[in-house]
Amino acid sequence: MNLNKQLIIAVDFDGTIVEDAFPKIGKPKIFAFETLKKLQSKGHRLILWTYRHGERLNEAVKFCEDHGIFFYAINNSFPEEKFSNDASRKINADVFIDDRNIGGFIGWGKIYQIITNETPNIPEKKKGFLGLFK
């Protein structure tokens, strides 16, 4: 992966950013929002790429915004793109992150490593009873 260029990253919602609970919104996947924020801070553009539409899509967008993620585009290659039945629905992105990849969802830590070639800073688990003692 060309780590010197800013990437366009298409990200699925259900099962990827959040646990799959469609039509409801599941709990955020561990490190999902932290990773997405870090990728945005490095200049990568995020596209929300999801099966959701209408009110369900609006709920997902608001959920992400409430968690600090504002997408470059939503179900489009760029913000101004208008859907037309005479054009493909495939969007243009450098990377697609989806829970339905071959092999399944690999986790946000691994995704971050692949995209940035860096090891994520994951806090060390505290040892001892309920984290009270080291």
C-alpha atoms as a PDB file:
ATOM      1  CA  MET A   1       0.000   0.000   0.000  1.00  0.00           C
ATOM      2  CA  ASN A   2       1.346   3.458  -0.884  1.00  0.00           C
ATOM      3  CA  LEU A   3       1.658   4.955   2.594  1.00  0.00           C
ATOM      4  CA  ASN A   4       2.752   8.354   1.297  1.00  0.00           C
ATOM      5  CA  LYS A   5      -0.579   9.130  -0.328  1.00  0.00           C
ATOM      6  CA  GLN A   6      -3.867   9.998   1.246  1.00  0.00           C
ATOM      7  CA  LEU A   7      -6.270   7.130   0.736  1.00  0.00           C
ATOM      8  CA  ILE A   8      -9.987   7.058   0.122  1.00  0.00           C
ATOM      9  CA  ILE A   9     -11.302   4.432   2.506  1.00  0.00           C
ATOM     10  CA  ALA A  10     -14.831   3.023   2.152  1.00  0.00           C
ATOM     11  CA  VAL A  11     -16.140   1.660   5.449  1.00  0.00           C
ATOM     12  CA  ASP A  12     -19.211  -0.495   6.046  1.00  0.00           C
ATOM     13  CA  PHE A  13     -21.366   0.223   9.118  1.00  0.00           C
ATOM     14  CA  ASP A  14     -23.202  -2.869  10.432  1.00  0.00           C
ATOM     15  CA  GLY A  15     -20.757  -5.542  11.536  1.00  0.00           C
ATOM     16  CA  THR A  16     -17.771  -3.291  10.859  1.00  0.00           C
ATOM     17  CA  ILE A  17     -18.066   0.003  12.758  1.00  0.00           C
ATOM     18  CA  VAL A  18     -20.713  -1.442  15.085  1.00  0.00           C
ATOM     19  CA  GLU A  19     -21.799  -4.952  16.041  1.00  0.00           C
ATOM     20  CA  ASP A  20     -24.411  -6.218  13.586  1.00  0.00           C
ATOM     21  CA  ALA A  21     -27.861  -5.572  15.076  1.00  0.00           C
ATOM     22  CA  PHE A  22     -29.637  -4.305  11.942  1.00  0.00           C
ATOM     23  CA  PRO A  23     -32.116  -2.599  11.827  1.00  0.00           C
ATOM     24  CA  LYS A  24     -31.013  -1.343  15.243  1.00  0.00           C
ATOM     25  CA  ILE A  25     -27.569   0.085  15.832  1.00  0.00           C
ATOM     26  CA  GLY A  26     -25.239  -2.288  17.656  1.00  0.00           C
ATOM     27  CA  LYS A  27     -22.500  -1.415  20.120  1.00  0.00           C
ATOM     28  CA  PRO A  28     -19.365   0.130  18.623  1.00  0.00           C
ATOM     29  CA  LYS A  29     -16.714  -2.434  17.698  1.00  0.00           C
ATOM     30  CA  ILE A  30     -13.628  -2.190  19.876  1.00  0.00           C
ATOM     31  CA  PHE A  31     -11.245   0.510  18.558  1.00  0.00           C
ATOM     32  CA  ALA A  32     -13.518   1.334  15.586  1.00  0.00           C
ATOM     33  CA  PHE A  33     -13.979   5.033  16.278  1.00  0.00           C
ATOM     34  CA  GLU A  34     -10.450   5.480  17.638  1.00  0.00           C
ATOM     35  CA  THR A  35      -9.013   3.960  14.465  1.00  0.00           C
ATOM     36  CA  LEU A  36     -11.264   5.948  12.136  1.00  0.00           C
ATOM     37  CA  LYS A  37     -10.345   9.196  13.933  1.00  0.00           C
ATOM     38  CA  LYS A  38      -6.636   8.364  13.689  1.00  0.00           C
ATOM     39  CA  LEU A  39      -6.953   7.601   9.961  1.00  0.00           C
ATOM     40  CA  GLN A  40      -8.771  10.894   9.402  1.00  0.00           C
ATOM     41  CA  SER A  41      -6.103  12.762  11.372  1.00  0.00           C
ATOM     42  CA  LYS A  42      -3.529  11.346   8.921  1.00  0.00           C
ATOM     43  CA  GLY A  43      -5.487  12.884   6.027  1.00  0.00           C
ATOM     44  CA  HIS A  44      -7.317   9.813   4.736  1.00  0.00           C
ATOM     45  CA  ARG A  45     -10.855  10.385   3.427  1.00  0.00           C
ATOM     46  CA  LEU A  46     -13.574   8.142   4.816  1.00  0.00           C
ATOM     47  CA  ILE A  47     -16.680   7.137   2.900  1.00  0.00           C
ATOM     48  CA  LEU A  48     -19.554   5.455   4.691  1.00  0.00           C
ATOM     49  CA  TRP A  49     -20.414   2.542   2.403  1.00  0.00           C
ATOM     50  CA  THR A  50     -23.467   0.724   3.694  1.00  0.00           C
ATOM     51  CA  TYR A  51     -26.624  -1.112   2.708  1.00  0.00           C
ATOM     52  CA  ARG A  52     -28.598   1.274   4.937  1.00  0.00           C
ATOM     53  CA  HIS A  53     -30.755   3.925   3.306  1.00  0.00           C
ATOM     54  CA  GLY A  54     -33.431   6.436   4.292  1.00  0.00           C
ATOM     55  CA  GLU A  55     -34.040   6.879   8.015  1.00  0.00           C
ATOM     56  CA  ARG A  56     -31.798   3.912   8.933  1.00  0.00           C
ATOM     57  CA  LEU A  57     -28.924   5.541   7.044  1.00  0.00           C
ATOM     58  CA  ASN A  58     -29.585   8.876   8.760  1.00  0.00           C
ATOM     59  CA  GLU A  59     -29.446   7.093  12.143  1.00  0.00           C
ATOM     60  CA  ALA A  60     -26.081   5.526  11.289  1.00  0.00           C
ATOM     61  CA  VAL A  61     -24.621   8.838  10.084  1.00  0.00           C
ATOM     62  CA  LYS A  62     -25.788  10.614  13.244  1.00  0.00           C
ATOM     63  CA  PHE A  63     -24.402   7.797  15.421  1.00  0.00           C
ATOM     64  CA  CYS A  64     -20.992   8.204  13.776  1.00  0.00           C
ATOM     65  CA  GLU A  65     -21.124  11.989  14.073  1.00  0.00           C
ATOM     66  CA  ASP A  66     -22.019  11.654  17.764  1.00  0.00           C
ATOM     67  CA  HIS A  67     -18.813   9.589  18.065  1.00  0.00           C
ATOM     68  CA  GLY A  68     -16.694  12.208  16.255  1.00  0.00           C
ATOM     69  CA  ILE A  69     -16.635  10.765  12.711  1.00  0.00           C
ATOM     70  CA  PHE A  70     -17.780  12.958   9.827  1.00  0.00           C
ATOM     71  CA  PHE A  71     -17.578  11.232   6.461  1.00  0.00           C
ATOM     72  CA  TYR A  72     -16.192  12.693   3.253  1.00  0.00           C
ATOM     73  CA  ALA A  73     -19.097  11.058   1.378  1.00  0.00           C
ATOM     74  CA  ILE A  74     -21.949   8.669   2.129  1.00  0.00           C
ATOM     75  CA  ASN A  75     -22.689   5.813  -0.294  1.00  0.00           C
ATOM     76  CA  ASN A  76     -21.060   7.912  -3.033  1.00  0.00           C
ATOM     77  CA  SER A  77     -17.576   8.343  -4.439  1.00  0.00           C
ATOM     78  CA  PHE A  78     -17.629  12.059  -3.631  1.00  0.00           C
ATOM     79  CA  PRO A  79     -20.106  14.362  -1.841  1.00  0.00           C
ATOM     80  CA  GLU A  80     -21.610  15.935  -4.978  1.00  0.00           C
ATOM     81  CA  GLU A  81     -22.223  12.630  -6.776  1.00  0.00           C
ATOM     82  CA  LYS A  82     -25.891  12.007  -7.587  1.00  0.00           C
ATOM     83  CA  PHE A  83     -27.274   8.486  -7.873  1.00  0.00           C
ATOM     84  CA  SER A  84     -28.558   7.517 -11.291  1.00  0.00           C
ATOM     85  CA  ASN A  85     -29.969   4.192 -12.489  1.00  0.00           C
ATOM     86  CA  ASP A  86     -27.827   4.442 -15.631  1.00  0.00           C
ATOM     87  CA  ALA A  87     -24.539   4.362 -13.684  1.00  0.00           C
ATOM     88  CA  SER A  88     -22.855   1.728 -11.547  1.00  0.00           C
ATOM     89  CA  ARG A  89     -23.370   1.832  -7.770  1.00  0.00           C
ATOM     90  CA  LYS A  90     -19.765   0.769  -7.243  1.00  0.00           C
ATOM     91  CA  ILE A  91     -17.891   3.585  -5.547  1.00  0.00           C
ATOM     92  CA  ASN A  92     -14.315   4.634  -6.154  1.00  0.00           C
ATOM     93  CA  ALA A  93     -12.082   3.940  -3.153  1.00  0.00           C
ATOM     94  CA  ASP A  94      -8.539   2.759  -2.517  1.00  0.00           C
ATOM     95  CA  VAL A  95      -9.537   0.490   0.366  1.00  0.00           C
ATOM     96  CA  PHE A  96     -12.820  -1.193   1.338  1.00  0.00           C
ATOM     97  CA  ILE A  97     -13.331  -2.233   4.969  1.00  0.00           C
ATOM     98  CA  ASP A  98     -16.216  -4.653   5.430  1.00  0.00           C
ATOM     99  CA  ASP A  99     -17.115  -7.497   7.777  1.00  0.00           C
ATOM    100  CA  ARG A 100     -17.987  -9.667   4.780  1.00  0.00           C
ATOM    101  CA  ASN A 101     -14.456  -9.855   3.411  1.00  0.00           C
ATOM    102  CA  ILE A 102     -13.131 -13.288   2.627  1.00  0.00           C
ATOM    103  CA  GLY A 103     -11.907 -14.473   5.983  1.00  0.00           C
ATOM    104  CA  GLY A 104     -14.246 -12.133   7.876  1.00  0.00           C
ATOM    105  CA  PHE A 105     -13.554  -8.964   9.802  1.00  0.00           C
ATOM    106  CA  ILE A 106      -9.886  -8.855  10.868  1.00  0.00           C
ATOM    107  CA  GLY A 107     -10.216  -6.230  13.622  1.00  0.00           C
ATOM    108  CA  TRP A 108      -9.430  -2.537  13.756  1.00  0.00           C
ATOM    109  CA  GLY A 109      -5.907  -2.983  15.121  1.00  0.00           C
ATOM    110  CA  LYS A 110      -4.889  -5.120  12.144  1.00  0.00           C
ATOM    111  CA  ILE A 111      -6.649  -2.748   9.727  1.00  0.00           C
ATOM    112  CA  TYR A 112      -4.692   0.182  11.147  1.00  0.00           C
ATOM    113  CA  GLN A 113      -1.411  -1.738  10.797  1.00  0.00           C
ATOM    114  CA  ILE A 114      -2.131  -2.619   7.170  1.00  0.00           C
ATOM    115  CA  ILE A 115      -3.114   0.914   6.146  1.00  0.00           C
ATOM    116  CA  THR A 116      -0.416   2.815   8.041  1.00  0.00           C
ATOM    117  CA  ASN A 117       2.305   0.202   8.445  1.00  0.00           C
ATOM    118  CA  GLU A 118       2.360   1.212  12.140  1.00  0.00           C
ATOM    119  CA  THR A 119       1.540  -0.725  15.269  1.00  0.00           C
ATOM    120  CA  PRO A 120      -1.468   0.805  17.038  1.00  0.00           C
ATOM    121  CA  ASN A 121      -0.980   2.154  20.552  1.00  0.00           C
ATOM    122  CA  ILE A 122      -3.184  -0.252  22.522  1.00  0.00           C
ATOM    123  CA  PRO A 123      -3.256   0.345  26.283  1.00  0.00           C
ATOM    124  CA  GLU A 124      -1.829  -2.522  28.310  1.00  0.00           C
ATOM    125  CA  LYS A 125      -4.380  -4.454  30.386  1.00  0.00           C
ATOM    126  CA  LYS A 126      -4.010  -3.906  34.090  1.00  0.00           C
ATOM    127  CA  LYS A 127      -3.143  -6.949  36.132  1.00  0.00           C
ATOM    128  CA  GLY A 128      -4.665  -7.933  39.426  1.00  0.00           C
ATOM    129  CA  PHE A 129      -8.122  -7.989  40.878  1.00  0.00           C
ATOM    130  CA  LEU A 130     -10.433  -5.687  38.876  1.00  0.00           C
ATOM    131  CA  GLY A 131      -7.429  -3.666  37.782  1.00  0.00           C
ATOM    132  CA  LEU A 132      -6.845  -2.345  41.306  1.00  0.00           C
ATOM    133  CA  PHE A 133      -3.382  -3.839  41.710  1.00  0.00           C
ATOM    134  CA  LYS A 134      -0.493  -4.088  39.287  1.00  0.00           C
END
